[in-house]
Amino acid sequence: MDHLPIFLDVKGRKVIVDGGSSIAARRVERALQAGAKVHVFADELDDEFRGLRDHPDLTHHTRAPELPDFVGAAVAYGATENEERDRALYEMANHSHVLANVADVTEYCDFITPSIIDRSPLVIAISSGGAAPIIARILRARIEAILPATYGKLAAFSGRLRERVMTKLKTAGARREFWESTIDGPVADKFLAGDEKAAKKQFLKELDAAALGQDIAQVGEVYLVGAGPGDPDLLTFRALHLMQRADVVLYDRLIGDGIINLVRRDAERIYVGKKPGNHALSQPEISDLLVKLAREGKRVLRLKGGDPFIFGRGGEELETLAEAGIPFQVIPGITAASGCASYAGIPLTHRDHAQACIFVTAHGQDGVLSLDWDTMARPGQTVAIYMGLGSLEFLMSEFIKRGVPADTPAAIVDNGTRPNQRVVKGTLADLYQKAEAAKLPGPALVIVGSVVELSDSLNWYKNFEADKHAMSLGASPDL
């Protein structure tokens, strides 16, 4: 290694920052977070200092630092981008035996400022030794995406109970085994789900059992996760985290390979998809399977397209789990109406077009279509219809029968947010014929309302996909 990785305790100690730029502000912010007494030297402070100016541990000097300022300092940062002033700071710091770092000037650095992932008290620092800071930043972003923000609180929670573990478990091996099972088991699951009281109760129960050499029969948990409309990039951080923790996954036909491949590699995968007239498992069978797997002590991921609480039957499955006493979590996803409309350049609401938006499903109980047409036919709104492709002719004609003008714009977004997305636009009078000619495979979302007219100018995803295709062929996207 070119540098010794250390974490420096600066609580109550002086830290010097020379400069008033945004770079200087980041140095000041980090030092204040670590409890330092920060002295910043600059004629003026950038707007980035807006939330820092009144901090009780910040002193602002409207001059350059001088040699006496370095007495008792732990660290000095230079961020003026003025070569003469940065060199002077480095020389004064060296003379005073103070560690110095001048932004982007390697020869004036006694240490490297790493990219930080802050989950205090858990802190991760990444550095390339100054060789490739961009790579360090990219790695930081990737770790940020998979490390829940609550992990820091989990570390603090564990720290508060550390003495109890030391008292109950006498050997290092027993303590290590206990902590490993705790941080990767029900205790952590309950804590990360926001139930600290239940997590502590479970922790103490497992600690007592470990002290007596007993095993606890574990009850599993179900994660009901919305996977969004198809694009893996639309998954939430929380969804990704639980996808990596699950022992077994139940997924439906709307979950593409790009999403299912993000699940933990060794997790068991069970397809429970449903098509009209062709169900791998019935809804009651799916709910019963969730209960069975959880009672075996497994962490069960129920992965649903879109959002599980919007026409996803998530509520039905949770009712069964609640009756059986199975713990569960719900992680929302981007629903099809929002995702598909956004990727088609169709705003669901707009001050000049629609002041309301209605979500309806064309698939009712036992396949019977029952809709509130009086509400759906009102002007000044958008209607987003889920699972409407199979009933499209009936839907379009019914709108017209209810007094909605036949020339009202309407669209179908097929395989929305995915690389094979297609958008068919028309009116209530001709959309069915256009859809028949296009032979759309589904899944699809139907949108009715004047907002559809905006897609010609707002359809960013079509252009984005065209640019990606051109670049894959080695051409400039501008050509």
Protein backbone atom coordinates (compact mmCIF):
# COMPACT_ATOMS: atom_id res chain seq x y z
CA MET A 1 0.00 0.00 0.00
CA ASP A 2 1.12 3.53 -0.76
CA HIS A 3 -0.80 4.93 2.22
CA LEU A 4 -1.57 3.73 5.72
CA PRO A 5 -5.37 3.63 6.17
CA ILE A 6 -6.34 5.15 9.52
CA PHE A 7 -9.30 6.94 11.11
CA LEU A 8 -8.12 10.00 13.03
CA ASP A 9 -9.83 11.16 16.24
CA VAL A 10 -10.19 14.96 16.02
CA LYS A 11 -12.89 15.49 18.66
CA GLY A 12 -12.28 18.85 20.33
CA ARG A 13 -9.12 19.45 18.30
CA LYS A 14 -8.34 22.26 15.89
CA VAL A 15 -8.69 21.67 12.16
CA ILE A 16 -7.63 24.34 9.66
CA VAL A 17 -9.37 24.78 6.30
CA ASP A 18 -8.01 27.41 3.92
CA GLY A 19 -10.54 28.43 1.28
CA GLY A 20 -14.17 29.35 0.87
CA SER A 21 -15.13 27.15 -2.09
CA SER A 22 -17.47 24.16 -2.24
CA ILE A 23 -14.42 21.89 -1.86
CA ALA A 24 -13.51 23.71 1.35
CA ALA A 25 -17.12 23.40 2.54
CA ARG A 26 -16.97 19.61 2.21
CA ARG A 27 -13.76 19.53 4.28
CA VAL A 28 -15.37 21.73 6.93
CA GLU A 29 -18.53 19.62 7.01
CA ARG A 30 -16.63 16.36 7.54
CA ALA A 31 -14.43 17.85 10.27
CA LEU A 32 -17.44 19.27 12.11
CA GLN A 33 -19.21 15.91 11.87
CA ALA A 34 -16.16 14.34 13.52
CA GLY A 35 -16.36 16.84 16.41
CA ALA A 36 -13.46 19.11 15.48
CA LYS A 37 -13.04 22.81 16.23
CA VAL A 38 -12.78 24.14 12.70
CA HIS A 39 -11.07 27.38 11.67
CA VAL A 40 -11.81 28.37 8.08
CA PHE A 41 -9.79 31.09 6.34
CA ALA A 42 -11.37 32.94 3.39
CA ASP A 43 -12.45 36.46 2.44
CA GLU A 44 -15.87 35.10 1.50
CA LEU A 45 -17.61 31.77 1.95
CA ASP A 46 -19.39 29.98 -0.89
CA ASP A 47 -23.14 29.26 -0.76
CA GLU A 48 -22.18 25.68 0.17
CA PHE A 49 -21.39 27.05 3.65
CA ARG A 50 -25.01 28.15 4.08
CA GLY A 51 -25.85 25.39 6.57
CA LEU A 52 -22.45 25.57 8.30
CA ARG A 53 -21.89 29.27 9.04
CA ASP A 54 -23.68 29.26 12.40
CA HIS A 55 -22.18 26.03 13.71
CA PRO A 56 -20.80 26.67 17.24
CA ASP A 57 -17.52 24.86 16.42
CA LEU A 58 -16.80 26.90 13.27
CA THR A 59 -14.67 30.05 13.35
CA HIS A 60 -14.39 32.15 10.21
CA HIS A 61 -11.29 34.29 9.60
CA THR A 62 -11.36 36.78 6.70
CA ARG A 63 -7.63 36.45 6.04
CA ALA A 64 -5.03 33.87 5.07
CA PRO A 65 -3.74 31.50 7.77
CA GLU A 66 -0.52 32.41 9.56
CA LEU A 67 2.08 30.30 11.37
CA PRO A 68 0.66 30.86 14.89
CA ASP A 69 -2.71 29.51 13.70
CA PHE A 70 -1.20 26.03 13.35
CA VAL A 71 -0.33 25.68 17.02
CA GLY A 72 -2.27 22.72 18.43
CA ALA A 73 -3.88 21.84 15.08
CA ALA A 74 -4.40 18.20 14.13
CA VAL A 75 -5.01 18.61 10.40
CA ALA A 76 -4.79 21.39 7.81
CA TYR A 77 -6.62 21.45 4.48
CA GLY A 78 -5.81 23.71 1.55
CA ALA A 79 -8.61 24.40 -0.92
CA THR A 80 -7.94 27.80 -2.45
CA GLU A 81 -6.67 26.61 -5.88
CA ASN A 82 -4.02 29.33 -5.49
CA GLU A 83 -0.63 27.64 -5.90
CA GLU A 84 1.35 30.15 -3.83
CA ARG A 85 -1.15 30.15 -0.97
CA ASP A 86 -1.51 26.35 -1.00
CA ARG A 87 2.27 25.92 -0.88
CA ALA A 88 2.49 28.36 2.04
CA LEU A 89 -0.15 26.37 3.94
CA TYR A 90 1.73 23.13 3.37
CA GLU A 91 5.05 24.62 4.52
CA MET A 92 3.55 26.15 7.67
CA ALA A 93 1.80 22.84 8.48
CA ASN A 94 5.05 20.90 8.04
CA HIS A 95 6.93 23.40 10.20
CA SER A 96 4.30 22.93 12.92
CA HIS A 97 4.23 19.11 12.58
CA VAL A 98 0.60 19.21 11.38
CA LEU A 99 -0.73 16.78 8.77
CA ALA A 100 -1.68 18.65 5.59
CA ASN A 101 -3.76 17.97 2.51
CA VAL A 102 -4.06 20.34 -0.45
CA ALA A 103 -6.88 19.49 -2.84
CA ASP A 104 -5.66 17.93 -6.12
CA VAL A 105 -1.97 18.68 -5.43
CA THR A 106 -0.32 15.36 -4.61
CA GLU A 107 3.04 16.80 -3.57
CA TYR A 108 1.33 18.88 -0.89
CA CYS A 109 -0.53 15.94 0.67
CA ASP A 110 0.57 14.03 3.76
CA PHE A 111 -2.63 11.97 3.51
CA ILE A 112 -5.40 11.18 1.06
CA THR A 113 -9.01 12.26 1.61
CA PRO A 114 -11.04 9.16 0.70
CA SER A 115 -14.57 8.79 -0.62
CA ILE A 116 -16.77 8.20 2.42
CA ILE A 117 -19.88 6.11 3.01
CA ASP A 118 -21.27 7.40 6.29
CA ARG A 119 -23.45 5.04 8.28
CA SER A 120 -22.16 6.31 11.62
CA PRO A 121 -20.86 4.71 13.73
CA LEU A 122 -20.17 2.49 10.71
CA VAL A 123 -17.93 4.37 8.26
CA ILE A 124 -16.42 3.02 5.03
CA ALA A 125 -13.57 4.88 3.35
CA ILE A 126 -12.46 4.17 -0.24
CA SER A 127 -9.26 5.48 -1.76
CA SER A 128 -7.23 4.80 -4.89
CA GLY A 129 -4.19 6.50 -3.38
CA GLY A 130 -4.81 9.46 -5.66
CA ALA A 131 -4.29 7.35 -8.79
CA ALA A 132 -7.93 7.05 -9.90
CA PRO A 133 -10.32 9.06 -7.69
CA ILE A 134 -13.17 8.59 -10.20
CA ILE A 135 -13.03 4.81 -9.67
CA ALA A 136 -13.19 5.37 -5.90
CA ARG A 137 -16.27 7.57 -6.35
CA ILE A 138 -17.98 4.99 -8.59
CA LEU A 139 -17.30 2.23 -6.05
CA ARG A 140 -18.67 4.45 -3.33
CA ALA A 141 -21.89 4.98 -5.28
CA ARG A 142 -22.30 1.22 -5.80
CA ILE A 143 -21.78 0.44 -2.13
CA GLU A 144 -24.17 3.24 -1.17
CA ALA A 145 -26.81 1.53 -3.31
CA ILE A 146 -26.58 -1.82 -1.50
CA LEU A 147 -25.87 -0.70 2.07
CA PRO A 148 -29.07 0.40 3.87
CA ALA A 149 -28.90 3.72 5.69
CA THR A 150 -30.16 2.00 8.84
CA TYR A 151 -27.01 -0.16 9.09
CA GLY A 152 -25.34 2.59 11.09
CA LYS A 153 -28.21 2.55 13.58
CA LEU A 154 -27.94 -1.25 13.70
CA ALA A 155 -24.25 -0.91 14.60
CA ALA A 156 -25.12 1.56 17.37
CA PHE A 157 -27.89 -0.76 18.62
CA SER A 158 -25.42 -3.66 18.76
CA GLY A 159 -22.90 -1.49 20.56
CA ARG A 160 -25.41 -0.67 23.30
CA LEU A 161 -25.89 -4.39 23.98
CA ARG A 162 -22.24 -5.40 23.71
CA GLU A 163 -21.64 -5.49 27.45
CA ARG A 164 -24.52 -7.92 27.95
CA VAL A 165 -23.02 -10.28 25.41
CA MET A 166 -19.61 -10.02 27.08
CA THR A 167 -21.21 -10.92 30.44
CA LYS A 168 -23.36 -13.81 29.18
CA LEU A 169 -20.96 -15.46 26.74
CA LYS A 170 -17.53 -16.16 28.17
CA THR A 171 -15.54 -17.28 25.12
CA ALA A 172 -14.58 -15.29 22.03
CA GLY A 173 -15.81 -18.11 19.78
CA ALA A 174 -19.28 -18.13 21.36
CA ARG A 175 -19.52 -14.36 21.10
CA ARG A 176 -18.45 -14.36 17.45
CA GLU A 177 -20.99 -17.06 16.54
CA PHE A 178 -23.74 -15.18 18.37
CA TRP A 179 -22.97 -11.86 16.68
CA GLU A 180 -22.87 -13.48 13.24
CA SER A 181 -26.30 -15.05 13.72
CA THR A 182 -27.68 -11.81 15.16
CA ILE A 183 -26.48 -9.45 12.43
CA ASP A 184 -27.65 -11.82 9.70
CA GLY A 185 -30.85 -13.07 11.30
CA PRO A 186 -34.26 -12.10 12.69
CA VAL A 187 -32.84 -9.49 15.06
CA ALA A 188 -31.38 -7.47 12.20
CA ASP A 189 -34.48 -8.03 10.07
CA LYS A 190 -36.72 -6.59 12.78
CA PHE A 191 -34.38 -3.67 13.44
CA LEU A 192 -33.94 -2.76 9.76
CA ALA A 193 -37.72 -2.93 9.36
CA GLY A 194 -37.98 -0.18 12.01
CA ASP A 195 -39.13 -2.24 15.00
CA GLU A 196 -36.32 -1.69 17.53
CA LYS A 197 -38.45 -2.89 20.46
CA ALA A 198 -39.11 -6.26 18.80
CA ALA A 199 -35.46 -6.48 17.73
CA LYS A 200 -34.24 -6.00 21.31
CA LYS A 201 -36.72 -8.58 22.62
CA GLN A 202 -35.53 -11.09 20.01
CA PHE A 203 -31.89 -10.23 20.78
CA LEU A 204 -32.27 -10.92 24.50
CA LYS A 205 -34.18 -14.14 23.81
CA GLU A 206 -31.42 -15.41 21.52
CA LEU A 207 -28.71 -14.31 23.97
CA ASP A 208 -30.29 -16.27 26.84
CA ALA A 209 -30.59 -19.34 24.61
CA ALA A 210 -26.97 -19.02 23.48
CA ALA A 211 -25.80 -18.75 27.09
CA LEU A 212 -27.63 -22.02 27.87
CA GLY A 213 -26.40 -23.72 24.69
CA GLN A 214 -29.93 -23.98 23.33
CA ASP A 215 -31.23 -23.52 19.80
CA ILE A 216 -34.26 -21.35 19.07
CA ALA A 217 -36.78 -22.52 16.51
CA GLN A 218 -36.83 -19.63 14.06
CA VAL A 219 -40.01 -18.39 12.42
CA GLY A 220 -39.33 -17.01 8.99
CA GLU A 221 -40.54 -13.77 7.48
CA VAL A 222 -42.11 -12.68 4.22
CA TYR A 223 -40.90 -9.68 2.22
CA LEU A 224 -43.64 -8.37 -0.09
CA VAL A 225 -41.63 -6.37 -2.60
CA GLY A 226 -42.80 -4.25 -5.52
CA ALA A 227 -40.37 -4.69 -8.43
CA GLY A 228 -41.71 -1.82 -10.51
CA PRO A 229 -42.88 -1.99 -14.13
CA GLY A 230 -39.82 -3.72 -15.58
CA ASP A 231 -36.68 -1.58 -15.70
CA PRO A 232 -34.30 -2.95 -12.99
CA ASP A 233 -32.96 0.57 -12.41
CA LEU A 234 -36.34 1.52 -10.93
CA LEU A 235 -35.98 -0.85 -7.96
CA THR A 236 -35.64 0.79 -4.56
CA PHE A 237 -32.51 0.36 -2.41
CA ARG A 238 -34.66 -1.45 0.18
CA ALA A 239 -35.95 -3.88 -2.45
CA LEU A 240 -32.40 -4.69 -3.58
CA HIS A 241 -31.30 -5.27 0.00
CA LEU A 242 -34.08 -7.75 0.72
CA MET A 243 -33.58 -9.49 -2.63
CA GLN A 244 -30.07 -10.29 -1.43
CA ARG A 245 -31.29 -11.62 1.96
CA ALA A 246 -34.07 -13.94 0.83
CA ASP A 247 -33.75 -17.73 1.04
CA VAL A 248 -36.59 -18.39 -1.40
CA VAL A 249 -38.30 -16.21 -4.02
CA LEU A 250 -41.84 -16.42 -5.37
CA TYR A 251 -42.16 -14.34 -8.54
CA ASP A 252 -44.76 -13.71 -11.23
CA ARG A 253 -44.66 -13.39 -15.02
CA LEU A 254 -44.09 -9.63 -14.95
CA ILE A 255 -40.64 -10.08 -13.39
CA GLY A 256 -38.05 -10.06 -16.17
CA ASP A 257 -34.59 -11.66 -16.13
CA GLY A 258 -32.96 -8.29 -15.47
CA ILE A 259 -34.69 -8.18 -12.09
CA ILE A 260 -34.72 -11.85 -11.10
CA ASN A 261 -30.97 -12.03 -11.73
CA LEU A 262 -30.45 -9.50 -8.92
CA VAL A 263 -31.79 -12.00 -6.37
CA ARG A 264 -29.26 -13.83 -4.21
CA ARG A 265 -27.62 -16.50 -6.37
CA ASP A 266 -28.28 -19.43 -4.06
CA ALA A 267 -31.90 -18.53 -3.31
CA GLU A 268 -34.58 -21.01 -4.36
CA ARG A 269 -36.79 -19.58 -7.10
CA ILE A 270 -40.45 -20.55 -7.50
CA TYR A 271 -42.49 -19.29 -10.45
CA VAL A 272 -46.10 -18.53 -9.50
CA GLY A 273 -47.08 -16.46 -12.53
CA LYS A 274 -50.64 -16.09 -13.72
CA LYS A 275 -52.00 -15.52 -17.21
CA PRO A 276 -55.69 -15.41 -18.11
CA GLY A 277 -56.85 -19.03 -17.97
CA ASN A 278 -53.36 -20.31 -17.14
CA HIS A 279 -52.32 -20.10 -13.49
CA ALA A 280 -49.16 -21.80 -12.22
CA LEU A 281 -50.76 -21.58 -8.76
CA SER A 282 -54.08 -20.12 -7.68
CA GLN A 283 -54.08 -17.10 -5.38
CA PRO A 284 -55.04 -19.14 -2.27
CA GLU A 285 -52.29 -21.65 -3.11
CA ILE A 286 -49.72 -18.84 -3.34
CA SER A 287 -50.79 -17.43 0.02
CA ASP A 288 -50.65 -20.87 1.66
CA LEU A 289 -47.18 -21.50 0.19
CA LEU A 290 -45.92 -18.24 1.71
CA VAL A 291 -47.12 -19.40 5.12
CA LYS A 292 -45.61 -22.87 4.71
CA LEU A 293 -42.17 -21.56 3.70
CA ALA A 294 -42.08 -18.96 6.48
CA ARG A 295 -42.98 -21.61 9.08
CA GLU A 296 -39.92 -23.55 7.90
CA GLY A 297 -37.85 -20.61 9.14
CA LYS A 298 -37.10 -19.19 5.69
CA ARG A 299 -36.88 -15.59 4.59
CA VAL A 300 -39.39 -15.50 1.75
CA LEU A 301 -39.35 -12.85 -0.96
CA ARG A 302 -42.69 -12.34 -2.70
CA LEU A 303 -41.65 -10.36 -5.76
CA LYS A 304 -44.45 -8.62 -7.64
CA GLY A 305 -44.46 -6.40 -10.72
CA GLY A 306 -45.34 -2.76 -10.12
CA ASP A 307 -46.57 -1.99 -6.62
CA PRO A 308 -48.00 -4.88 -4.56
CA PHE A 309 -50.82 -2.72 -3.15
CA ILE A 310 -52.06 -1.42 -6.52
CA PHE A 311 -53.93 -4.22 -8.29
CA GLY A 312 -51.24 -6.64 -7.12
CA ARG A 313 -53.32 -8.67 -4.65
CA GLY A 314 -50.72 -7.94 -2.01
CA GLY A 315 -53.40 -7.21 0.55
CA GLU A 316 -54.97 -10.63 0.03
CA GLU A 317 -51.67 -12.40 0.64
CA LEU A 318 -50.90 -10.35 3.73
CA GLU A 319 -54.31 -11.13 5.23
CA THR A 320 -53.41 -14.82 5.10
CA LEU A 321 -49.99 -14.15 6.66
CA ALA A 322 -51.49 -12.03 9.43
CA GLU A 323 -54.03 -14.74 10.27
CA ALA A 324 -51.18 -17.27 10.50
CA GLY A 325 -49.05 -14.99 12.69
CA ILE A 326 -46.25 -14.73 10.11
CA PRO A 327 -44.19 -11.51 10.28
CA PHE A 328 -43.92 -9.55 7.05
CA GLN A 329 -42.63 -6.36 5.50
CA VAL A 330 -43.99 -4.39 2.54
CA ILE A 331 -41.68 -2.53 0.17
CA PRO A 332 -43.56 -0.39 -2.37
CA GLY A 333 -42.62 -0.30 -6.03
CA ILE A 334 -43.23 2.12 -8.87
CA THR A 335 -46.68 1.23 -10.16
CA ALA A 336 -47.25 0.59 -13.87
CA ALA A 337 -49.30 3.76 -14.43
CA SER A 338 -46.50 5.99 -13.16
CA GLY A 339 -43.62 4.07 -14.74
CA CYS A 340 -45.17 3.39 -18.15
CA ALA A 341 -46.58 6.89 -18.51
CA SER A 342 -43.24 8.47 -17.60
CA TYR A 343 -41.33 6.32 -20.07
CA ALA A 344 -43.88 7.14 -22.78
CA GLY A 345 -43.63 10.88 -22.16
CA ILE A 346 -47.24 11.11 -20.93
CA PRO A 347 -47.68 13.14 -17.72
CA LEU A 348 -50.66 11.73 -15.86
CA THR A 349 -51.61 15.19 -14.60
CA HIS A 350 -51.06 18.57 -16.22
CA ARG A 351 -52.56 21.96 -15.40
CA ASP A 352 -53.80 22.45 -18.97
CA HIS A 353 -55.10 18.90 -19.47
CA ALA A 354 -55.89 16.88 -16.36
CA GLN A 355 -56.40 17.87 -12.74
CA ALA A 356 -57.01 14.31 -11.57
CA CYS A 357 -55.94 10.77 -12.43
CA ILE A 358 -57.90 7.56 -11.90
CA PHE A 359 -56.35 4.08 -11.71
CA VAL A 360 -58.70 1.23 -12.62
CA THR A 361 -58.29 -2.42 -13.51
CA ALA A 362 -60.16 -4.07 -16.37
CA HIS A 363 -59.84 -7.44 -14.65
CA GLY A 364 -62.36 -7.93 -11.85
CA GLN A 365 -63.24 -10.68 -9.42
CA ASP A 366 -63.59 -13.97 -11.34
CA GLY A 367 -62.83 -12.09 -14.57
CA VAL A 368 -66.03 -10.02 -14.40
CA LEU A 369 -65.55 -6.42 -15.54
CA SER A 370 -67.23 -3.94 -13.20
CA LEU A 371 -66.25 -0.28 -13.51
CA ASP A 372 -67.63 3.05 -12.26
CA TRP A 373 -68.28 4.56 -15.68
CA ASP A 374 -69.91 7.72 -14.34
CA THR A 375 -66.65 8.59 -12.58
CA MET A 376 -64.41 7.46 -15.44
CA ALA A 377 -66.28 9.56 -18.03
CA ARG A 378 -65.76 12.88 -16.25
CA PRO A 379 -63.80 15.57 -18.14
CA GLY A 380 -60.50 17.10 -17.01
CA GLN A 381 -58.85 13.88 -15.87
CA THR A 382 -56.67 10.98 -17.00
CA VAL A 383 -57.77 7.36 -16.75
CA ALA A 384 -55.05 4.70 -16.46
CA ILE A 385 -56.38 1.21 -17.10
CA TYR A 386 -54.44 -1.82 -15.91
CA MET A 387 -54.86 -5.16 -17.69
CA GLY A 388 -57.05 -3.56 -20.33
CA LEU A 389 -55.57 -5.02 -23.51
CA GLY A 390 -57.91 -8.02 -23.63
CA SER A 391 -61.00 -5.82 -23.14
CA LEU A 392 -59.84 -2.89 -25.26
CA GLU A 393 -62.65 -2.89 -27.82
CA PHE A 394 -65.30 -2.94 -25.08
CA LEU A 395 -63.52 -0.25 -23.06
CA MET A 396 -63.16 2.19 -25.97
CA SER A 397 -66.74 1.77 -27.12
CA GLU A 398 -68.05 2.12 -23.58
CA PHE A 399 -66.27 5.45 -23.10
CA ILE A 400 -67.97 6.74 -26.25
CA LYS A 401 -71.37 5.41 -25.15
CA ARG A 402 -70.94 7.32 -21.87
CA GLY A 403 -70.58 10.61 -23.72
CA VAL A 404 -66.78 10.92 -23.92
CA PRO A 405 -65.90 12.42 -27.35
CA ALA A 406 -64.73 9.77 -29.84
CA ASP A 407 -61.70 11.88 -30.75
CA THR A 408 -60.39 11.83 -27.15
CA PRO A 409 -56.69 10.83 -27.28
CA ALA A 410 -55.81 7.39 -25.96
CA ALA A 411 -52.65 5.28 -25.89
CA ILE A 412 -51.34 1.83 -25.08
CA VAL A 413 -47.92 1.45 -23.49
CA ASP A 414 -46.79 -2.12 -24.12
CA ASN A 415 -43.91 -3.55 -22.06
CA GLY A 416 -43.41 -0.13 -20.51
CA THR A 417 -39.94 0.87 -19.21
CA ARG A 418 -38.35 -2.15 -20.93
CA PRO A 419 -36.06 -2.16 -23.98
CA ASN A 420 -38.91 -3.56 -26.11
CA GLN A 421 -41.37 -0.85 -25.06
CA ARG A 422 -43.89 0.15 -27.73
CA VAL A 423 -46.39 2.98 -27.62
CA VAL A 424 -49.50 2.91 -29.81
CA LYS A 425 -51.46 6.18 -29.88
CA GLY A 426 -54.84 6.98 -31.30
CA THR A 427 -58.30 8.00 -30.17
CA LEU A 428 -61.19 6.23 -28.52
CA ALA A 429 -62.55 5.63 -32.02
CA ASP A 430 -59.51 3.90 -33.54
CA LEU A 431 -57.17 2.69 -30.77
CA TYR A 432 -58.54 -0.86 -30.84
CA GLN A 433 -57.91 -1.21 -34.59
CA LYS A 434 -54.38 0.17 -34.21
CA ALA A 435 -53.67 -2.22 -31.36
CA GLU A 436 -54.91 -5.18 -33.40
CA ALA A 437 -52.62 -4.20 -36.28
CA ALA A 438 -49.65 -3.81 -33.94
CA LYS A 439 -50.22 -7.28 -32.37
CA LEU A 440 -49.07 -6.11 -28.95
CA PRO A 441 -48.06 -9.02 -26.66
CA GLY A 442 -48.53 -7.24 -23.30
CA PRO A 443 -48.31 -6.55 -20.49
CA ALA A 444 -49.82 -3.21 -21.38
CA LEU A 445 -51.28 -0.11 -19.80
CA VAL A 446 -54.07 1.90 -21.45
CA ILE A 447 -54.15 5.67 -20.93
CA VAL A 448 -57.15 7.81 -21.84
CA GLY A 449 -57.06 11.61 -21.79
CA SER A 450 -55.71 14.66 -23.58
CA VAL A 451 -52.34 14.28 -21.81
CA VAL A 452 -51.56 11.63 -24.46
CA GLU A 453 -51.06 14.49 -26.94
CA LEU A 454 -47.94 15.58 -25.03
CA SER A 455 -46.02 12.38 -25.74
CA ASP A 456 -44.81 13.59 -29.16
CA SER A 457 -42.69 16.27 -27.51
CA LEU A 458 -41.99 14.59 -24.15
CA ASN A 459 -41.13 11.04 -25.23
CA TRP A 460 -37.57 11.03 -23.93
CA TYR A 461 -37.23 7.22 -23.67
CA LYS A 462 -37.69 6.62 -27.40
CA ASN A 463 -34.82 9.00 -28.13
CA PHE A 464 -32.75 7.53 -25.31
CA GLU A 465 -33.12 4.00 -26.69
CA ALA A 466 -32.30 5.22 -30.20
CA ASP A 467 -29.12 6.85 -28.91
CA LYS A 468 -28.09 3.66 -27.09
CA HIS A 469 -28.67 1.61 -30.25
CA ALA A 470 -26.63 4.03 -32.35
CA MET A 471 -23.75 3.95 -29.87
CA SER A 472 -23.80 0.13 -29.82
CA LEU A 473 -23.23 0.30 -33.59
CA GLY A 474 -20.31 2.68 -33.12
CA ALA A 475 -22.15 5.71 -34.45
CA SER A 476 -22.55 9.09 -32.84
CA PRO A 477 -26.00 9.56 -31.29
CA ASP A 478 -26.17 12.89 -33.10
CA LEU A 479 -26.03 11.22 -36.51
